[in-house]
Structures are given as C-alpha cells and as structure tokens.
Amino acid sequence: MLMVTVIGLVLFGLIMVYSSSFIYAQERTGDGFSFIKKQMMLAGLGVCSMLVVCRIDYRKWSVWAYPLLVASIALLFLVKIPGIGARVGGAQRWIRFGGFNFQPGELAKFAVIIFVASQLEKKRERLHTITAGVLSHFLIPLPALLLLLTQPDFGTTVMISIVIFFLLFLAGVPKRYLGIALLLGVIVGSLLAFGTAYRRARMMTYFDPWRDPGGKGFQIIQSLIGLHTGSLWGAGLGNGKEKLFFLPEAHNDFIFAVIGEELGFLGVAAVILGYLYFVYRGLRIAFDSAKKYGDVFGMLLAVGITLALGLQGFVNMAVVMGLLPTKGLTLPFISYGGSAILVDLFAVGILLSIGRGPRVPRSLIKGS
C-alpha cells in the first residue's frame, strides 16, 4: 500500500506538472511539453530505482553510511566551484551535467539520516554520554549542514536538524541532553532567520504580505488568491489562471496553489490525506521493524525517511497557505524537479526494503 500511495502521488504530480507548466514551457522553450517530458522520464527512472533498491537488504546502508555521507559532502562542495555549480533564482544549489541539473542537497538529507541512524545503533550502549549521544550526530554531518546554509538552503538544513532531533529522542538519548540541543537549535535558528537581510525580509513578508504586494509579497498573495478562487470544487483541471504568469514557478514550489485553484478544497484534502497515509504506513513499517525484528537501525531509518518526506510535504503546503514563511522546499512526488523525484523515490525504495524485513536471522540483528 505504501508503494501504491507513492505511485499514485507521482502520477497525480505528473498531471499537475503538465497542467501548471504547459503555458510557461511554451513561452520559455517553444515546446509546451518540454517540462512534462523531462519529468516523466525522471519519474520513470525514479520508479525503476525504487523497485531495484527495495530488493537490496537495507542493512547494507549501515555499512555504506560513511562513504555516502562523504560523497554527498563532496557534491555539495562542487556546487560552490564556478563552472560546475549553477545558480538559479539567487541560490546556487545545482550541479550542471550537460542539460541536466542535479541538486546534491536532495541526496545529502538522506545521507545524513542514514548516517545518524547507523551511528545511533552502533553507539546505543553509550548514548547516555553527551559525546556519543548528541555531539557526534551533529558534528560529523556539520560540513554538509554548513554547505547547505551557504547555498543558501535554510529550509533543508532546518528540516534535517529536526529529523536528527527526533531520531535522538527515539533512540533514547537522555532528555537533559535533548533539552540543551533544542535550546541551542532555537538560538542558532533564530540568529540565522533574522541575521541576514533577505531572511528578515521573508519573515516580515510572512507577517504581512501586503506590505510589499508587488515585490516580496507577490508570490504568496497570488498563492492565496489561487486557493481562494478554487473554493470547494475548483475551477476545473487546466482552467486555473494563476499559472498564466501570475504565480511565479507555479509548477515547482507553489504547485499546491494550482491544485487548490483547479481542484478546490476536495483536491487539497485528497493530497493532504495522501501524505497522512504515507506517514502512517512509513511509521507502521518502523514500528514493525522494532517490534518484530528488534532492529534499531531499521526502525530509526524508516522513521527518518518518513519524517523527512512527510515533514517536507506539510511544510510546503503550509508555506503555500501562508502558515509558514517561504522555505524553498518542493512538494515531494508532485512538484517539478528531476533530482528531487529521483532521490525521493530512491529513499522510498529503502523504506520498502525495511518493510520487507532484514535478510539475516533475528538473533544476529539483536546481537549486532
């Protein structure tokens, strides 16, 4: 059912990417189908990778955790090199390979989650110490987090940090250490949120988009107009107006606004229910991994992947509805973005592999 849910969201996303990008693609490239053709190709590759990865014993990712983290940090470093890294919309987050852009931050978030889940299992006898319980799980992935901040990608950095915190809590790290980590996280996050001019402008826009309706507040205002126009039943698939150059990048971060305008409250509710069910199935896999097999790594990894994708989805929807400041996070499985859908489906393959259970005897898992 998890696979059916994810494939359903991907197919729905392809429909909405086509609806929201055709006019924009026609104007920009001369081919209205250019975006959807690319998205269909990469979605197909993503589904294939999901089906392959789900057949691999997920416990091997514990062995590969360090190399994967180092590789993701190296890719994030390449983003900063002129001629290799590509800047789009004021952010330098992509590596350009010919006509294809890859966003290493998408890989880094799962590399960090795999690493932390692996380390929490290996150090579970020493989690009562602050070094093994907290510091090592933030300090070793710190280069990846810092490189993400310099892109800048504040949203992904915060999301990864929140997931790490939840994994530490589930692993049984003492609450006094978690309280200190949470306090430091709030302080650092507040300094970062208000420490730069463009982030302060985002916060001010969040509190009052109409203070600059033709500038910083334009995108969120158009998003709210689209959601309002959709009402209960929506304007009908393909009949939305906001995608006609009113809502910038309607097929990307703000595709949820197009869904609300064209499919109304019922479409919005269906998407929310789809993500809720995805989170439920993912957490159920985590629970079964812990209860049936006593596998700490499987449980933590399943929770990490589920929270990363589920949290990103709900944050994106909250941003589109004006409930959170703009974060630059896409809607998983639905938004346009080749590297995002490829890596997200790859991660779902790992989640499905955890659902199939370990390929080694239960006694060996408990004694590892």
Protein backbone atom coordinates (compact mmCIF):
# COMPACT_ATOMS: atom_id res chain seq x y z
CA MET A 1 0.00 0.00 0.00
CA LEU A 2 2.94 2.33 0.58
CA MET A 3 4.14 1.75 -2.98
CA VAL A 4 0.61 2.24 -4.36
CA THR A 5 0.28 5.52 -2.42
CA VAL A 6 3.62 6.85 -3.65
CA ILE A 7 2.99 5.89 -7.28
CA GLY A 8 -0.46 7.48 -7.03
CA LEU A 9 1.09 10.74 -5.80
CA VAL A 10 3.69 10.62 -8.60
CA LEU A 11 1.04 10.10 -11.30
CA PHE A 12 -1.09 12.87 -9.84
CA GLY A 13 2.01 15.07 -9.78
CA LEU A 14 2.66 14.43 -13.48
CA ILE A 15 -0.87 15.57 -14.29
CA MET A 16 -0.47 18.73 -12.25
CA VAL A 17 3.01 19.50 -13.61
CA TYR A 18 1.60 19.27 -17.14
CA SER A 19 -1.35 21.49 -16.24
CA SER A 20 0.76 24.10 -14.45
CA SER A 21 3.78 24.21 -16.77
CA PHE A 22 2.44 23.97 -20.34
CA ILE A 23 1.97 27.70 -20.99
CA TYR A 24 5.19 28.58 -19.16
CA ALA A 25 7.16 25.96 -21.09
CA GLN A 26 5.66 27.10 -24.38
CA GLU A 27 6.74 30.66 -23.70
CA ARG A 28 10.20 29.75 -22.41
CA THR A 29 11.25 26.90 -24.72
CA GLY A 30 8.77 26.92 -27.59
CA ASP A 31 7.63 23.42 -26.59
CA GLY A 32 4.77 23.22 -24.10
CA PHE A 33 5.60 19.58 -23.41
CA SER A 34 9.29 20.12 -22.58
CA PHE A 35 8.87 20.16 -18.79
CA ILE A 36 6.43 17.27 -18.56
CA LYS A 37 8.55 15.10 -20.87
CA LYS A 38 11.58 15.61 -18.65
CA GLN A 39 9.53 15.00 -15.50
CA MET A 40 8.02 11.80 -16.93
CA MET A 41 11.46 10.47 -17.87
CA LEU A 42 12.94 11.14 -14.43
CA ALA A 43 9.84 9.87 -12.64
CA GLY A 44 10.19 6.65 -14.63
CA LEU A 45 13.86 6.38 -13.65
CA GLY A 46 12.89 7.08 -10.05
CA VAL A 47 10.27 4.31 -10.00
CA CYS A 48 12.82 1.89 -11.52
CA SER A 49 15.37 2.84 -8.85
CA MET A 50 12.71 2.37 -6.16
CA LEU A 51 11.94 -1.13 -7.42
CA VAL A 52 15.64 -2.04 -7.54
CA VAL A 53 16.54 -0.56 -4.15
CA CYS A 54 13.61 -2.25 -2.40
CA ARG A 55 15.26 -5.60 -3.27
CA ILE A 56 18.54 -4.64 -1.57
CA ASP A 57 18.97 -5.58 2.10
CA TYR A 58 18.52 -2.23 3.83
CA ARG A 59 21.10 -3.12 6.50
CA LYS A 60 23.81 -2.67 3.89
CA TRP A 61 23.13 1.06 4.06
CA SER A 62 24.57 1.00 7.59
CA VAL A 63 27.86 -0.19 6.08
CA TRP A 64 27.68 2.41 3.32
CA ALA A 65 26.70 5.29 5.65
CA TYR A 66 30.16 6.91 5.88
CA PRO A 67 31.01 6.71 2.15
CA LEU A 68 27.57 8.06 1.24
CA LEU A 69 27.93 11.00 3.65
CA VAL A 70 31.42 11.81 2.35
CA ALA A 71 30.19 11.62 -1.26
CA SER A 72 27.27 13.96 -0.53
CA ILE A 73 29.60 16.47 1.17
CA ALA A 74 31.92 16.33 -1.85
CA LEU A 75 28.99 17.02 -4.19
CA LEU A 76 27.86 19.92 -2.03
CA PHE A 77 31.39 21.32 -2.24
CA LEU A 78 31.34 21.03 -6.04
CA VAL A 79 28.27 23.26 -6.09
CA LYS A 80 30.48 26.14 -4.87
CA ILE A 81 33.01 25.76 -7.71
CA PRO A 82 32.43 28.23 -10.59
CA GLY A 83 31.66 26.49 -13.85
CA ILE A 84 30.35 23.39 -12.09
CA GLY A 85 27.75 24.81 -9.72
CA ALA A 86 24.74 26.51 -11.27
CA ARG A 87 22.87 29.48 -9.80
CA VAL A 88 19.10 29.63 -10.29
CA GLY A 89 16.83 32.25 -8.76
CA GLY A 90 19.52 33.68 -6.47
CA ALA A 91 20.53 30.30 -4.98
CA GLN A 92 23.49 28.16 -6.01
CA ARG A 93 22.21 24.64 -5.29
CA TRP A 94 22.73 22.71 -8.51
CA ILE A 95 25.47 20.88 -10.39
CA ARG A 96 25.03 21.07 -14.12
CA PHE A 97 25.64 17.96 -16.26
CA GLY A 98 25.01 18.96 -19.85
CA GLY A 99 21.30 19.77 -19.98
CA PHE A 100 20.51 18.18 -16.62
CA ASN A 101 20.78 19.90 -13.22
CA PHE A 102 21.31 17.79 -10.09
CA GLN A 103 20.69 19.17 -6.60
CA PRO A 104 23.11 17.50 -4.14
CA GLY A 105 21.09 18.79 -1.18
CA GLU A 106 18.40 16.23 -2.03
CA LEU A 107 20.95 13.42 -1.63
CA ALA A 108 22.58 14.99 1.42
CA LYS A 109 19.41 14.96 3.53
CA PHE A 110 19.05 11.18 3.21
CA ALA A 111 22.81 10.59 3.53
CA VAL A 112 22.74 12.38 6.89
CA ILE A 113 19.67 10.43 8.03
CA ILE A 114 21.28 7.08 7.09
CA PHE A 115 24.48 8.08 8.90
CA VAL A 116 22.70 9.17 12.10
CA ALA A 117 20.50 6.03 12.16
CA SER A 118 23.61 3.85 11.73
CA GLN A 119 25.57 5.65 14.45
CA LEU A 120 22.70 5.57 16.92
CA GLU A 121 22.51 1.80 16.56
CA LYS A 122 26.26 1.28 16.87
CA LYS A 123 26.58 3.58 19.89
CA ARG A 124 23.37 2.60 21.65
CA GLU A 125 25.29 1.42 24.73
CA ARG A 126 26.95 4.86 25.08
CA LEU A 127 24.02 7.17 24.34
CA HIS A 128 23.99 8.28 27.97
CA THR A 129 27.16 10.31 27.28
CA ILE A 130 26.82 13.70 25.61
CA THR A 131 29.56 12.93 23.08
CA ALA A 132 28.09 9.68 21.76
CA GLY A 133 24.51 10.70 22.47
CA VAL A 134 24.38 14.13 20.84
CA LEU A 135 27.59 15.76 19.65
CA SER A 136 28.82 13.13 17.19
CA HIS A 137 25.47 13.06 15.37
CA PHE A 138 25.63 16.79 14.68
CA LEU A 139 29.38 17.43 14.41
CA ILE A 140 30.21 14.81 11.77
CA PRO A 141 27.37 15.86 9.39
CA LEU A 142 28.14 19.54 10.21
CA PRO A 143 30.09 20.17 6.95
CA ALA A 144 27.02 19.10 4.96
CA LEU A 145 24.76 21.38 7.00
CA LEU A 146 27.12 24.35 6.66
CA LEU A 147 27.46 23.86 2.90
CA LEU A 148 23.66 23.75 2.63
CA LEU A 149 23.42 27.04 4.54
CA THR A 150 25.87 28.74 2.20
CA GLN A 151 23.86 27.83 -0.94
CA PRO A 152 21.63 29.15 0.78
CA ASP A 153 19.18 26.37 1.69
CA PHE A 154 17.97 27.23 5.17
CA GLY A 155 14.79 25.13 4.86
CA THR A 156 16.55 21.84 4.13
CA THR A 157 19.09 22.49 6.91
CA VAL A 158 16.34 23.06 9.47
CA MET A 159 14.38 20.02 8.28
CA ILE A 160 17.42 17.73 8.58
CA SER A 161 18.15 19.07 12.07
CA ILE A 162 14.55 18.42 13.19
CA VAL A 163 14.69 14.84 11.88
CA ILE A 164 18.01 14.23 13.69
CA PHE A 165 16.45 15.52 16.92
CA PHE A 166 13.52 13.10 16.61
CA LEU A 167 15.88 10.19 15.90
CA LEU A 168 17.90 11.04 19.03
CA PHE A 169 14.68 11.09 21.05
CA LEU A 170 13.55 7.71 19.71
CA ALA A 171 16.97 6.18 20.32
CA GLY A 172 16.71 7.05 24.00
CA VAL A 173 19.20 9.90 24.34
CA PRO A 174 18.76 11.47 27.82
CA LYS A 175 16.18 14.25 27.84
CA ARG A 176 18.53 16.74 29.51
CA TYR A 177 20.88 16.48 26.52
CA LEU A 178 17.97 16.84 24.12
CA GLY A 179 16.79 19.92 26.00
CA ILE A 180 20.23 21.53 25.64
CA ALA A 181 20.36 20.61 21.94
CA LEU A 182 16.86 22.03 21.40
CA LEU A 183 17.73 25.29 23.16
CA LEU A 184 20.92 25.70 21.11
CA GLY A 185 19.00 24.87 17.93
CA VAL A 186 16.36 27.52 18.64
CA ILE A 187 19.05 30.13 19.37
CA VAL A 188 21.08 29.32 16.25
CA GLY A 189 17.94 29.10 14.10
CA SER A 190 16.71 32.47 15.34
CA LEU A 191 20.08 34.09 14.66
CA LEU A 192 20.13 32.63 11.15
CA ALA A 193 16.50 33.58 10.47
CA PHE A 194 17.00 37.21 11.45
CA GLY A 195 20.73 37.53 10.82
CA THR A 196 20.57 38.29 7.10
CA ALA A 197 18.58 40.95 5.28
CA TYR A 198 16.79 38.63 2.85
CA ARG A 199 15.66 36.27 5.64
CA ARG A 200 14.40 39.21 7.71
CA ALA A 201 12.50 40.38 4.64
CA ARG A 202 10.97 36.91 4.30
CA MET A 203 9.84 36.99 7.93
CA MET A 204 8.32 40.44 7.54
CA THR A 205 6.57 39.28 4.36
CA TYR A 206 5.22 36.27 6.24
CA PHE A 207 3.67 38.51 8.91
CA ASP A 208 2.25 40.96 6.36
CA PRO A 209 2.48 40.03 2.64
CA TRP A 210 0.56 43.18 1.69
CA ARG A 211 3.34 45.47 2.93
CA ASP A 212 5.07 44.81 -0.42
CA PRO A 213 2.35 43.36 -2.72
CA GLY A 214 4.30 43.95 -5.93
CA GLY A 215 7.62 42.62 -4.59
CA LYS A 216 8.39 40.22 -1.74
CA GLY A 217 4.72 39.54 -1.02
CA PHE A 218 3.66 38.98 -4.63
CA GLN A 219 4.12 35.21 -4.73
CA ILE A 220 2.30 34.38 -1.50
CA ILE A 221 -0.53 36.78 -2.34
CA GLN A 222 -1.04 35.12 -5.73
CA SER A 223 -0.95 31.74 -3.99
CA LEU A 224 -3.68 32.81 -1.57
CA ILE A 225 -5.75 34.20 -4.45
CA GLY A 226 -5.49 30.86 -6.24
CA LEU A 227 -6.58 28.90 -3.16
CA HIS A 228 -9.47 31.32 -2.59
CA THR A 229 -10.60 31.09 -6.23
CA GLY A 230 -10.67 27.29 -6.06
CA SER A 231 -13.30 27.31 -3.32
CA LEU A 232 -14.89 23.85 -2.77
CA TRP A 233 -14.92 22.28 -6.23
CA GLY A 234 -12.18 24.21 -8.04
CA ALA A 235 -12.11 25.92 -11.42
CA GLY A 236 -11.53 22.58 -13.16
CA LEU A 237 -8.36 20.79 -14.22
CA GLY A 238 -6.45 23.01 -16.64
CA ASN A 239 -8.68 26.05 -16.06
CA GLY A 240 -6.56 27.81 -13.45
CA LYS A 241 -5.48 31.40 -14.06
CA GLU A 242 -2.63 31.82 -11.57
CA LYS A 243 -0.28 29.65 -13.67
CA LEU A 244 -0.64 32.19 -16.51
CA PHE A 245 2.44 34.11 -15.30
CA PHE A 246 0.73 35.42 -12.15
CA LEU A 247 2.20 32.80 -9.79
CA PRO A 248 5.98 32.50 -10.39
CA GLU A 249 7.25 28.94 -10.91
CA ALA A 250 3.73 27.54 -10.47
CA HIS A 251 4.88 24.03 -11.41
CA ASN A 252 7.55 23.98 -8.70
CA ASP A 253 7.39 25.13 -5.06
CA PHE A 254 3.84 26.50 -5.35
CA ILE A 255 2.17 23.71 -7.32
CA PHE A 256 -0.10 23.13 -4.32
CA ALA A 257 -1.71 26.52 -5.05
CA VAL A 258 -2.52 25.34 -8.59
CA ILE A 259 -4.06 22.18 -7.12
CA GLY A 260 -6.21 24.31 -4.82
CA GLU A 261 -7.31 26.61 -7.63
CA GLU A 262 -8.13 23.91 -10.18
CA LEU A 263 -9.38 21.10 -7.90
CA GLY A 264 -10.63 23.13 -4.94
CA PHE A 265 -10.83 22.09 -1.32
CA LEU A 266 -11.57 18.50 -2.33
CA GLY A 267 -8.31 18.26 -4.28
CA VAL A 268 -6.36 19.85 -1.44
CA ALA A 269 -7.93 17.48 1.09
CA ALA A 270 -7.13 14.46 -1.10
CA VAL A 271 -3.45 15.46 -1.29
CA ILE A 272 -3.26 16.02 2.47
CA LEU A 273 -4.86 12.63 3.12
CA GLY A 274 -2.39 11.03 0.70
CA TYR A 275 0.55 12.39 2.68
CA LEU A 276 -1.04 11.47 6.01
CA TYR A 277 -1.45 7.89 4.79
CA PHE A 278 2.15 7.85 3.54
CA VAL A 279 3.36 8.95 7.00
CA TYR A 280 1.13 6.35 8.68
CA ARG A 281 2.48 3.50 6.50
CA GLY A 282 6.07 4.64 6.99
CA LEU A 283 5.73 4.80 10.76
CA ARG A 284 3.97 1.45 10.72
CA ILE A 285 6.98 -0.05 8.94
CA ALA A 286 9.22 1.46 11.61
CA PHE A 287 7.05 0.05 14.39
CA ASP A 288 7.05 -3.43 12.82
CA SER A 289 10.81 -3.32 12.36
CA ALA A 290 11.30 -2.63 16.04
CA LYS A 291 8.59 -4.99 17.35
CA LYS A 292 9.03 -8.00 15.03
CA TYR A 293 12.79 -7.94 14.49
CA GLY A 294 14.16 -5.79 17.30
CA ASP A 295 16.06 -3.88 14.62
CA VAL A 296 17.02 -0.42 15.90
CA PHE A 297 18.67 0.65 12.64
CA GLY A 298 15.63 -0.33 10.55
CA MET A 299 13.28 1.48 12.92
CA LEU A 300 15.32 4.68 13.02
CA LEU A 301 15.96 4.71 9.28
CA ALA A 302 12.26 4.18 8.49
CA VAL A 303 11.26 6.99 10.85
CA GLY A 304 13.94 9.28 9.39
CA ILE A 305 12.90 8.76 5.76
CA THR A 306 9.19 9.04 6.60
CA LEU A 307 9.63 12.23 8.62
CA ALA A 308 11.93 13.82 6.02
CA LEU A 309 9.42 13.34 3.20
CA GLY A 310 6.29 13.87 5.28
CA LEU A 311 7.62 16.96 7.05
CA GLN A 312 8.79 18.48 3.77
CA GLY A 313 5.38 17.90 2.24
CA PHE A 314 3.45 19.51 5.07
CA VAL A 315 5.89 22.43 5.34
CA ASN A 316 5.47 23.09 1.61
CA MET A 317 1.68 23.06 1.93
CA ALA A 318 1.83 25.32 4.99
CA VAL A 319 4.01 27.81 3.08
CA VAL A 320 1.59 27.87 0.14
CA MET A 321 -1.29 28.54 2.54
CA GLY A 322 0.62 31.35 4.26
CA LEU A 323 1.02 29.45 7.53
CA LEU A 324 4.85 29.45 7.42
CA PRO A 325 7.48 31.74 5.86
CA THR A 326 8.72 30.80 2.39
CA LYS A 327 11.27 27.98 2.61
CA GLY A 328 12.05 26.96 -0.97
CA LEU A 329 11.05 23.33 -0.32
CA THR A 330 9.26 21.38 -3.03
CA LEU A 331 6.21 19.13 -2.60
CA PRO A 332 7.64 15.57 -2.66
CA PHE A 333 6.48 13.33 -5.55
CA ILE A 334 4.34 16.14 -7.01
CA SER A 335 6.44 19.25 -7.69
CA TYR A 336 8.52 19.60 -10.85
CA GLY A 337 12.17 18.74 -10.21
CA GLY A 338 14.18 15.86 -11.62
CA SER A 339 16.78 15.32 -8.91
CA ALA A 340 14.13 15.65 -6.17
CA ILE A 341 11.77 12.99 -7.52
CA LEU A 342 14.68 10.69 -8.38
CA VAL A 343 16.21 10.81 -4.89
CA ASP A 344 12.83 10.77 -3.09
CA LEU A 345 11.75 7.59 -4.88
CA PHE A 346 15.18 6.08 -4.18
CA ALA A 347 14.58 6.75 -0.47
CA VAL A 348 11.11 5.19 -0.68
CA GLY A 349 12.81 2.08 -2.09
CA ILE A 350 14.86 1.86 1.11
CA LEU A 351 11.67 2.27 3.14
CA LEU A 352 10.02 -0.55 1.20
CA SER A 353 13.09 -2.72 1.80
CA ILE A 354 12.73 -2.13 5.55
CA GLY A 355 9.08 -3.17 5.22
CA ARG A 356 10.19 -6.49 3.71
CA GLY A 357 12.31 -7.17 6.79
CA PRO A 358 16.02 -7.95 7.22
CA ARG A 359 17.69 -10.77 5.23
CA VAL A 360 19.62 -12.05 8.26
CA PRO A 361 18.42 -14.05 11.28
CA ARG A 362 16.67 -12.11 14.03
CA SER A 363 19.21 -13.26 16.63
CA LEU A 364 22.06 -11.72 14.66
CA ILE A 365 20.24 -8.37 14.42
CA LYS A 366 19.74 -8.18 18.17
CA GLY A 367 23.30 -9.20 18.83
CA SER A 368 24.94 -6.92 16.26
